Amino acid sequence: MNVLKRFEWIKNYRFACQLAMQRYSRLKLDFILMFLLVVFVAIFGTLFPYLMKLLVDQVEQNHHIEIAHLFSIEKLYLLVLAYAAAWLMSQLLSWCQNLFSMIMSVNFETALMYSGVENFLALQKQHQDQTEIGVFLTDLQRGASAMSEMTFAFFMLLGPIVFQLLFIFAVLFKTINIVFSACFVGTALLIFIVSILISKKSSGYFNEIYQGRNLINTAILEKVSQSYEIKIKHSQVYEQNRLKQSLSSYAVIVKNTNLRIGGLMMMQVLLIFLFLLGFMFYTAYISQHQQISSGDFVLISTYIIQLTLPFLMVSQSLMRVNGNIVALKTYRQYFDLTRDHYQPWTSTASSTSVLYQFEDATLNLGKHEIQHFNLQLMADTHYAIVGQTGRGKTSLINYLIGVSKIKSGRLYYQNLDISENFSEEIFNQVSFVGQHAVIFSGSLKDNLVYNSPYDYTDAELIKWLEKFKLNSILEKNKITLNDDMGDVYKNFSGGEKQRISILRGVLRQPQLLILDEPTSALDITTALEIIELLKKQVKSLIIVSHSQQCIDLMDDVIDLDQQFN
């Protein structure tokens, strides 16, 4: 089991790649291009010091020959040109690699953010309700960036080092001997492996930081979203003291964690120092005893210095990778939650006089379990659902719109069994308006025709606004139907927001319109006018209401209090 856990991060990385490929079709091709870039960067990174060695040897040789030897002079100039060209190519390829990495990172992050939100919206309501929005947002952003950072670490940092070590081995083998080459590369690999082992020790530190950060985000989001409640209770100082305690605890966690990570980094620096010092001393020794040329000394010294910075970056990067592994695991866990599944609209499903039918159903209404529940809701009928607070009026609606599932028995929409799986086709026939009015980003027109299968001209929408007494909203806020509202919607009254939500439901032209407390923010005169208008526009209505005057306008009443008698 421990072995499987060690490789769990690979499964999570592959899972993220598969998600990214759904939105990022060039992923495989870009991986190939990235691999080629890595190889070429390693080649030119290795070639650059070798040309420096040849240049130094040639200059040293020219001190011992006549200046008239034109061939040697020309060779020197060619080496200078080759050296400069190698440096130029090395720099250009490095910049291309960084640019390519940035492009891939953006594609990864946007693809994973899209998939993360798509998955969250498809989760069953119970999982959505249990998820802290601040925590989810942090986990989403952290998981999306983790994918790109891990890719950078593996392919843009570790990849070039591995290839460069192979090329260095070949160059040193040709220039010095196989023993020196093997010792040099072997020692470098040993430091590389030790760096990985050291970085693994940091993996447990990141959970504490991430959990602390999630708590801080949740606390701040709570205060921002409940700012009105805090203001009217004059509890700003109280809330700031609570936040201060949370921030102080988080600061202690981060400080202690970074001290431990800093200690590991110092161990890494010490190892690299010993590598650099040891081989520089040995290289100086064999150079002094004429076993290697001055160019060889420059070659080896350059390789040593060239590897020290990447080794430091590897250690730092691998420590971040440990954090990214944790972030990607957390991101993946959202995809393990249960999603809503929809059944197709079968050919046997057809319009009947019965819209919904519960048959001997066991279900929860509010906090109470109801058994042997039977109910028929007929087409072309206007219903009011009534009952005391906590009787489960909203719970009943959730069964009708597929958000909740009955425990046993049968539930039908027309003659389609939706006891276990809802059908997406029902959303084209049934429209729902919740008790909390929602205004989306965009223009007023975007809000009115939100997800509607029908097109409306501006003139038609203006007429609808007049019917719902919303025509003054444009002039009052100095906007048109197509202007982005920005923060203008904050000036809308509760009644205006509620009527916009109701109109949005009407413009979907449903066969059935379900409304939960649709007139709670309206005066009684406007409320009755809206209900009468809805009765004319929609064949079937189901409303939850506490207003007796609105209830009296309905054809039939479903009293949930009777279920508890």
Foldseek 3Di string as FASTA:
>chain_A
DVVCVVCVLVVLLVVLVVLLCVVPVCVVVLVVVLQVLLLLLLVLLLVLLLLLLVLVVLVVVVVVDDPPPVVSVVVNVVSVVVNVVSVVSNVVSLVVSVVSLVVVLVSQLVSQLVVLVVLLVQFFVVVVVVDQPLLSVVLSNLLSNLSSLVCCLVRVQVSSVVSNLVVQLVVCCVAANNVVSCVLSVLLVVLLVVLLVLLVVLLVLLVLLSVLVSVLSSLVVVCVVCVVVCVVVVCPVVSVVVSVVSVVVSVVSVVVSVVSLVVSLVVSLVSLVCSLVVVLVVLVVCVVVVSHDPSVNSSSNSVSVVVSVSSSVSSVSSNVSSSNSVSSVVSVVSNVGHGADADEDDPPFDADQWFKWFAQFWADAQNDIFGRDTDTDGFLFEEEEEEDPRLRPVVVVCCVVVSDAIPDGFMDGRNHTPNPHHHPVVCLAEFEFEPQQDDDWFFLLCLQQPVAPDDDDLVRVCVVCVLLVNNCVCVVLVHGRHDGCVCVCVVDARQNSLSSRVSSRLRSQHQEYEYEASCVRDDPVSVCSVLVVCSVRHSYYYYYHPDPVSNVVGPYYHYSVVSVD
